[in-house]
Amino acid sequence: MRFFSDNAAPACPAVMDAIVAANRLTTAYDGDEWSQQLDGAFSDLFETEVKAFWVTTGTAANCLALAAMCPPYGSVLTHKMAHIEQDEAGAPGFFTHGGKLTLLDGEGAKIAPDAVDEAIGRVRKDVHQVQPHALSITNATEYGLSYGADEVAALGDAAKRHGLAFHMDGARFANAVVHTGASPAELTWKAGVDALSFGFIKNGGMSAEALILFDKQLAPSIEVMKKRAGHLSSKGRYAAAQILAMLDGDVWLENARAANRAAATLAAACGDRLNLPVEANEMFVRMTPAEAQRLRDAGFDFYDWGPDEVRLVTCWDQDMDAVETLAQAIRAL
């Protein structure tokens, strides 16, 4: 009865079938028939012409995008709890060859336009200070909150006003789309986003993520950096095939709906224990160490997140019997 991480979830059947179907002799790197379909498939999904790349990790997707947006002498505005700050071991600075992250506050790991304006206002326009070049947000955030289309658009306006490129870390983009009811286009390029790291692994993929460029002028730099960074797999067809399989028939949305439904069931049981609203597939729950141990003794697995707080994460294939059992156990605490 695991509620530990959606990173640990199995790959969904459509992905496994696609990998088997791609297991034959064909062109290497990204010249294969699956990789060549990505631009068209994502252009259809986002209702505009895009450039799409497969990569093997979300960190690679994030940092390739930021390296194309931010020079070594520049900075990226992001939330202080963003994955690129907390969980990527300095990869943004590594990929940008020295670019800085400027950290902002905001409840639930969300950034407000005012915070962008204030951060820009603190920087003198001279050679003695690092000049901002990009804004990066996460949707859904590291604390499970989803930006709606209007919120993204307000940040897009702020980015444009200050001459910043706009990146979205969408490790749980599918969960945000399901929660908000907005279209993929409304949550991204129509709101000013230039590049999206489109997460698949947390949502039923095995080893493939996508980097979507709405600003196609970034593509030539990323093509070179992807190879230089060791992310041009010689058998890239297996990555592309996974992504196409999840797009086909909206598997990516069905998987996210299942994870969000399971989270909503647990959220109802948690009641006023919740530290934040549940708007994707993560819950942050007030719980004493003794209470957490009672749940672990009953067979449940999850993260301790802070003093008297635990994190519960639901997955695309979550066993609803286990969800109901955990919901009952939480009510009984």
Protein backbone atom coordinates (compact mmCIF):
# COMPACT_ATOMS: atom_id res chain seq x y z
CA MET A 1 0.00 0.00 0.00
CA ARG A 2 2.46 2.56 -1.33
CA PHE A 3 1.84 6.31 -1.39
CA PHE A 4 5.53 7.13 -1.61
CA SER A 5 6.10 8.60 -5.07
CA ASP A 6 4.64 8.51 -8.56
CA ASN A 7 8.23 8.15 -9.77
CA ALA A 8 8.07 4.58 -8.51
CA ALA A 9 4.87 3.64 -10.34
CA PRO A 10 5.01 1.03 -13.09
CA ALA A 11 4.91 1.90 -16.76
CA CYS A 12 1.41 1.64 -18.18
CA PRO A 13 0.51 -1.17 -20.65
CA ALA A 14 0.34 1.16 -23.66
CA VAL A 15 3.95 2.19 -23.03
CA MET A 16 5.20 -1.37 -22.68
CA ASP A 17 3.40 -2.41 -25.87
CA ALA A 18 4.90 0.55 -27.73
CA ILE A 19 8.42 -0.35 -26.64
CA VAL A 20 7.95 -3.90 -27.93
CA ALA A 21 6.56 -2.62 -31.23
CA ALA A 22 9.61 -0.37 -31.66
CA ASN A 23 12.03 -3.23 -31.01
CA ARG A 24 13.27 -3.73 -34.56
CA LEU A 25 16.06 -2.55 -36.81
CA THR A 26 15.55 1.05 -37.93
CA THR A 27 17.32 4.40 -38.10
CA ALA A 28 19.41 5.44 -35.09
CA TYR A 29 19.31 8.49 -32.82
CA ASP A 30 16.24 10.64 -33.63
CA GLY A 31 15.85 9.86 -37.32
CA ASP A 32 13.41 7.00 -36.75
CA GLU A 33 9.72 7.07 -37.67
CA TRP A 34 8.57 7.55 -34.07
CA SER A 35 10.86 10.50 -33.33
CA GLN A 36 9.87 12.11 -36.61
CA GLN A 37 6.21 12.07 -35.55
CA LEU A 38 6.70 14.02 -32.33
CA ASP A 39 6.57 17.52 -33.80
CA GLY A 40 3.29 16.78 -35.55
CA ALA A 41 1.71 14.97 -32.60
CA PHE A 42 2.49 17.77 -30.16
CA SER A 43 1.55 20.46 -32.68
CA ASP A 44 -1.89 18.85 -32.91
CA LEU A 45 -2.16 18.61 -29.13
CA PHE A 46 -1.17 22.23 -28.53
CA GLU A 47 -3.02 23.65 -31.53
CA THR A 48 0.09 25.40 -32.84
CA GLU A 49 3.35 24.46 -34.54
CA VAL A 50 5.95 23.33 -32.01
CA LYS A 51 9.32 21.66 -31.90
CA ALA A 52 9.45 18.59 -29.65
CA PHE A 53 12.40 16.65 -28.24
CA TRP A 54 12.48 13.42 -26.27
CA VAL A 55 14.85 13.32 -23.31
CA THR A 56 15.38 10.75 -20.59
CA THR A 57 14.81 12.85 -17.46
CA GLY A 58 12.85 15.85 -16.31
CA THR A 59 16.08 17.45 -15.11
CA ALA A 60 17.43 17.27 -18.66
CA ALA A 61 14.26 18.79 -20.08
CA ASN A 62 14.31 21.64 -17.56
CA CYS A 63 17.97 22.43 -17.84
CA LEU A 64 18.26 22.19 -21.61
CA ALA A 65 15.43 24.71 -21.85
CA LEU A 66 17.01 27.04 -19.30
CA ALA A 67 20.44 26.77 -20.93
CA ALA A 68 18.91 27.96 -24.21
CA MET A 69 17.15 30.84 -22.42
CA CYS A 70 19.77 32.04 -19.96
CA PRO A 71 23.44 32.87 -20.68
CA PRO A 72 26.20 32.02 -18.17
CA TYR A 73 26.11 35.58 -16.84
CA GLY A 74 22.31 35.66 -16.38
CA SER A 75 19.74 34.44 -13.88
CA VAL A 76 16.47 32.52 -13.82
CA LEU A 77 13.67 33.63 -11.49
CA THR A 78 12.01 30.67 -9.79
CA HIS A 79 10.36 29.66 -6.53
CA LYS A 80 12.63 28.78 -3.64
CA MET A 81 11.01 25.32 -3.45
CA ALA A 82 11.21 24.65 -7.21
CA HIS A 83 12.60 21.33 -8.33
CA ILE A 84 15.38 23.11 -10.24
CA GLU A 85 16.53 24.60 -6.92
CA GLN A 86 15.84 21.81 -4.43
CA ASP A 87 16.27 18.56 -6.32
CA GLU A 88 18.55 18.90 -9.34
CA ALA A 89 21.97 19.00 -7.65
CA GLY A 90 22.98 22.26 -9.28
CA ALA A 91 22.14 21.05 -12.79
CA PRO A 92 20.75 24.44 -13.96
CA GLY A 93 24.09 26.09 -13.18
CA PHE A 94 25.94 23.19 -14.79
CA PHE A 95 23.92 23.29 -18.02
CA THR A 96 24.00 27.10 -18.26
CA HIS A 97 27.74 27.16 -17.42
CA GLY A 98 27.23 29.42 -14.45
CA GLY A 99 23.73 30.88 -14.66
CA LYS A 100 22.20 31.81 -11.31
CA LEU A 101 18.80 30.99 -9.81
CA THR A 102 17.06 33.95 -8.17
CA LEU A 103 14.65 32.55 -5.59
CA LEU A 104 11.15 33.89 -4.93
CA ASP A 105 8.54 33.23 -2.23
CA GLY A 106 4.91 32.26 -2.58
CA GLU A 107 2.45 29.99 -0.78
CA GLY A 108 2.32 26.41 -1.99
CA ALA A 109 5.39 26.99 -4.21
CA LYS A 110 3.39 29.32 -6.46
CA ILE A 111 4.84 32.55 -7.83
CA ALA A 112 2.71 35.68 -8.17
CA PRO A 113 3.34 38.39 -10.78
CA ASP A 114 4.05 40.90 -8.00
CA ALA A 115 6.93 38.72 -6.81
CA VAL A 116 8.42 38.83 -10.30
CA ASP A 117 8.07 42.62 -10.43
CA GLU A 118 9.65 43.00 -7.00
CA ALA A 119 12.58 40.74 -7.86
CA ILE A 120 13.26 42.62 -11.07
CA GLY A 121 12.99 45.91 -9.23
CA ARG A 122 15.77 44.92 -6.83
CA VAL A 123 18.28 44.42 -9.64
CA ARG A 124 20.29 47.43 -10.74
CA LYS A 125 20.73 47.70 -14.50
CA ASP A 126 24.51 47.73 -14.41
CA VAL A 127 27.41 45.32 -14.88
CA HIS A 128 27.80 44.70 -11.16
CA GLN A 129 24.65 42.61 -10.75
CA VAL A 130 23.34 39.46 -12.43
CA GLN A 131 20.58 40.34 -14.88
CA PRO A 132 17.45 38.13 -15.07
CA HIS A 133 16.84 36.40 -18.39
CA ALA A 134 14.12 33.83 -17.68
CA LEU A 135 11.21 32.88 -15.43
CA SER A 136 10.55 29.24 -14.53
CA ILE A 137 7.40 27.92 -12.82
CA THR A 138 6.19 24.42 -11.99
CA ASN A 139 2.66 23.23 -12.85
CA ALA A 140 1.49 21.45 -10.77
CA THR A 141 3.81 22.91 -8.12
CA GLU A 142 6.06 21.01 -5.76
CA TYR A 143 3.27 21.36 -3.19
CA GLY A 144 0.55 20.07 -5.47
CA LEU A 145 -1.12 23.36 -6.43
CA SER A 146 -2.16 23.95 -10.03
CA TYR A 147 -1.81 27.23 -11.89
CA GLY A 148 -4.93 28.04 -13.87
CA ALA A 149 -4.76 29.55 -17.34
CA ASP A 150 -5.38 33.07 -16.02
CA GLU A 151 -2.60 32.72 -13.46
CA VAL A 152 -0.12 31.51 -16.07
CA ALA A 153 -1.18 34.33 -18.39
CA ALA A 154 -0.57 36.92 -15.66
CA LEU A 155 2.94 35.54 -15.21
CA GLY A 156 3.38 35.47 -18.97
CA ASP A 157 2.50 39.14 -19.08
CA ALA A 158 5.03 39.85 -16.33
CA ALA A 159 7.72 37.90 -18.17
CA LYS A 160 7.03 39.78 -21.39
CA ARG A 161 6.99 43.10 -19.58
CA HIS A 162 10.48 42.45 -18.22
CA GLY A 163 11.90 40.80 -21.33
CA LEU A 164 12.14 37.33 -19.75
CA ALA A 165 11.84 33.97 -21.47
CA PHE A 166 9.15 31.81 -19.80
CA HIS A 167 9.67 28.13 -18.94
CA MET A 168 7.21 25.72 -17.34
CA ASP A 169 8.34 22.59 -15.50
CA GLY A 170 5.43 20.26 -16.21
CA ALA A 171 6.56 17.14 -14.39
CA ARG A 172 2.89 16.79 -13.38
CA PHE A 173 1.47 18.86 -16.23
CA ALA A 174 -1.17 16.20 -16.94
CA ASN A 175 -2.49 16.45 -13.38
CA ALA A 176 -2.72 20.24 -13.70
CA VAL A 177 -4.59 19.99 -17.02
CA VAL A 178 -7.11 17.59 -15.48
CA HIS A 179 -7.62 19.71 -12.36
CA THR A 180 -8.00 23.07 -14.10
CA GLY A 181 -10.02 21.85 -17.07
CA ALA A 182 -7.96 24.17 -19.28
CA SER A 183 -6.61 22.97 -22.60
CA PRO A 184 -2.87 22.29 -22.98
CA ALA A 185 -2.70 25.35 -25.23
CA GLU A 186 -4.44 27.60 -22.68
CA LEU A 187 -2.00 26.56 -19.95
CA THR A 188 1.09 27.16 -22.08
CA TRP A 189 1.74 29.17 -25.24
CA LYS A 190 -1.56 31.05 -25.20
CA ALA A 191 -0.49 32.27 -21.75
CA GLY A 192 3.01 33.23 -22.90
CA VAL A 193 5.01 30.07 -22.14
CA ASP A 194 8.04 29.62 -24.42
CA ALA A 195 9.07 26.10 -23.41
CA LEU A 196 7.43 23.24 -21.49
CA SER A 197 9.05 20.26 -19.84
CA PHE A 198 6.21 17.77 -20.41
CA GLY A 199 6.35 14.99 -17.83
CA PHE A 200 5.44 11.42 -18.74
CA ILE A 201 7.42 9.21 -16.35
CA LYS A 202 5.43 10.15 -13.22
CA ASN A 203 2.23 9.56 -15.20
CA GLY A 204 2.85 6.03 -16.52
CA GLY A 205 5.89 6.44 -18.77
CA MET A 206 9.02 4.40 -18.32
CA SER A 207 12.06 6.39 -19.41
CA ALA A 208 10.96 9.30 -21.59
CA GLU A 209 10.03 12.93 -21.05
CA ALA A 210 9.37 15.62 -23.66
CA LEU A 211 10.69 19.14 -24.09
CA ILE A 212 8.21 21.23 -26.08
CA LEU A 213 9.31 24.49 -27.65
CA PHE A 214 6.68 27.07 -28.51
CA ASP A 215 9.52 29.47 -29.27
CA LYS A 216 11.11 27.41 -32.02
CA GLN A 217 14.11 29.77 -32.19
CA LEU A 218 15.44 27.90 -29.15
CA ALA A 219 15.62 24.63 -31.10
CA PRO A 220 19.06 24.94 -32.80
CA SER A 221 20.81 25.54 -29.48
CA ILE A 222 18.98 22.70 -27.78
CA GLU A 223 19.76 20.25 -30.57
CA VAL A 224 23.48 20.77 -29.99
CA MET A 225 23.29 20.92 -26.19
CA LYS A 226 21.22 17.73 -26.07
CA LYS A 227 24.02 15.82 -27.78
CA ARG A 228 26.74 17.56 -25.79
CA ALA A 229 24.98 16.74 -22.51
CA GLY A 230 24.75 13.04 -23.34
CA HIS A 231 21.01 12.95 -23.99
CA LEU A 232 20.95 11.94 -27.65
CA SER A 233 20.27 8.23 -27.15
CA SER A 234 21.30 6.07 -30.08
CA LYS A 235 18.03 4.12 -29.85
CA GLY A 236 15.80 7.10 -29.29
CA ARG A 237 12.87 5.34 -30.94
CA TYR A 238 12.07 3.66 -27.61
CA ALA A 239 11.63 7.06 -25.94
CA ALA A 240 9.58 8.52 -28.79
CA ALA A 241 7.39 5.41 -28.97
CA GLN A 242 6.51 5.72 -25.28
CA ILE A 243 5.46 9.33 -25.66
CA LEU A 244 3.37 8.70 -28.76
CA ALA A 245 1.63 5.78 -27.05
CA MET A 246 0.59 8.01 -24.15
CA LEU A 247 -0.67 10.75 -26.45
CA ASP A 248 -2.66 8.27 -28.53
CA GLY A 249 -6.20 8.02 -27.20
CA ASP A 250 -5.38 10.52 -24.41
CA VAL A 251 -3.78 7.86 -22.22
CA TRP A 252 -1.83 10.67 -20.51
CA LEU A 253 -5.10 12.34 -19.46
CA GLU A 254 -6.80 9.12 -18.35
CA ASN A 255 -3.80 8.26 -16.18
CA ALA A 256 -3.81 11.71 -14.60
CA ARG A 257 -7.55 11.55 -13.97
CA ALA A 258 -7.09 8.26 -12.13
CA ALA A 259 -4.30 9.68 -9.94
CA ASN A 260 -6.27 12.85 -9.20
CA ARG A 261 -9.41 10.86 -8.30
CA ALA A 262 -7.44 8.76 -5.82
CA ALA A 263 -5.97 11.93 -4.32
CA ALA A 264 -9.41 13.50 -3.97
CA THR A 265 -10.62 10.46 -2.03
CA LEU A 266 -7.73 10.76 0.41
CA ALA A 267 -8.14 14.52 0.65
CA ALA A 268 -11.72 14.08 1.80
CA ALA A 269 -10.53 11.74 4.55
CA CYS A 270 -7.75 14.11 5.62
CA GLY A 271 -10.14 17.02 6.12
CA ASP A 272 -8.60 19.82 8.17
CA ARG A 273 -5.31 17.92 8.43
CA LEU A 274 -4.45 19.21 4.95
CA ASN A 275 -1.85 21.97 4.92
CA LEU A 276 -2.80 22.98 1.37
CA PRO A 277 -5.63 22.31 -1.06
CA VAL A 278 -5.27 19.17 -3.16
CA GLU A 279 -5.16 20.21 -6.81
CA ALA A 280 -3.21 17.34 -8.36
CA ASN A 281 -2.01 14.01 -6.95
CA GLU A 282 -0.02 15.15 -3.90
CA MET A 283 -1.21 15.78 -0.35
CA PHE A 284 0.68 17.41 2.51
CA VAL A 285 -0.91 16.26 5.73
CA ARG A 286 -0.45 17.30 9.35
CA MET A 287 0.38 14.20 11.34
CA THR A 288 2.42 13.52 14.46
CA PRO A 289 5.30 11.03 14.28
CA ALA A 290 3.26 8.64 16.42
CA GLU A 291 0.30 8.84 14.04
CA ALA A 292 2.56 8.35 11.03
CA GLN A 293 4.07 5.29 12.67
CA ARG A 294 0.59 3.82 13.24
CA LEU A 295 -0.05 4.07 9.51
CA ARG A 296 3.31 2.53 8.68
CA ASP A 297 2.66 -0.30 11.10
CA ALA A 298 -0.56 -0.93 9.17
CA GLY A 299 1.42 -1.32 5.94
CA PHE A 300 1.32 2.15 4.37
CA ASP A 301 4.41 3.73 2.82
CA PHE A 302 4.94 7.50 2.43
CA TYR A 303 7.42 10.32 2.98
CA ASP A 304 7.92 12.34 6.14
CA TRP A 305 7.99 15.87 4.76
CA GLY A 306 8.71 18.05 7.77
CA PRO A 307 7.95 18.38 11.47
CA ASP A 308 4.51 16.84 11.97
CA GLU A 309 3.89 16.65 8.21
CA VAL A 310 3.79 13.79 5.73
CA ARG A 311 3.43 13.68 1.95
CA LEU A 312 1.06 11.26 0.24
CA VAL A 313 1.26 10.77 -3.53
CA THR A 314 -1.20 8.80 -5.67
CA CYS A 315 -0.33 7.16 -8.98
CA TRP A 316 -2.06 6.42 -12.28
CA ASP A 317 -2.58 2.76 -11.27
CA GLN A 318 -3.36 3.31 -7.59
CA ASP A 319 -5.23 0.41 -6.02
CA MET A 320 -8.52 2.00 -4.92
CA ASP A 321 -8.98 -0.65 -2.25
CA ALA A 322 -5.72 0.56 -0.71
CA VAL A 323 -6.90 4.16 -1.08
CA GLU A 324 -10.12 3.41 0.78
CA THR A 325 -8.21 1.49 3.46
CA LEU A 326 -5.83 4.41 3.99
CA ALA A 327 -8.74 6.85 4.05
CA GLN A 328 -10.38 4.81 6.80
CA ALA A 329 -7.09 4.59 8.73
CA ILE A 330 -6.61 8.37 8.58
CA ARG A 331 -10.17 8.99 9.80
CA ALA A 332 -9.51 6.62 12.69
CA LEU A 333 -6.42 8.48 13.93
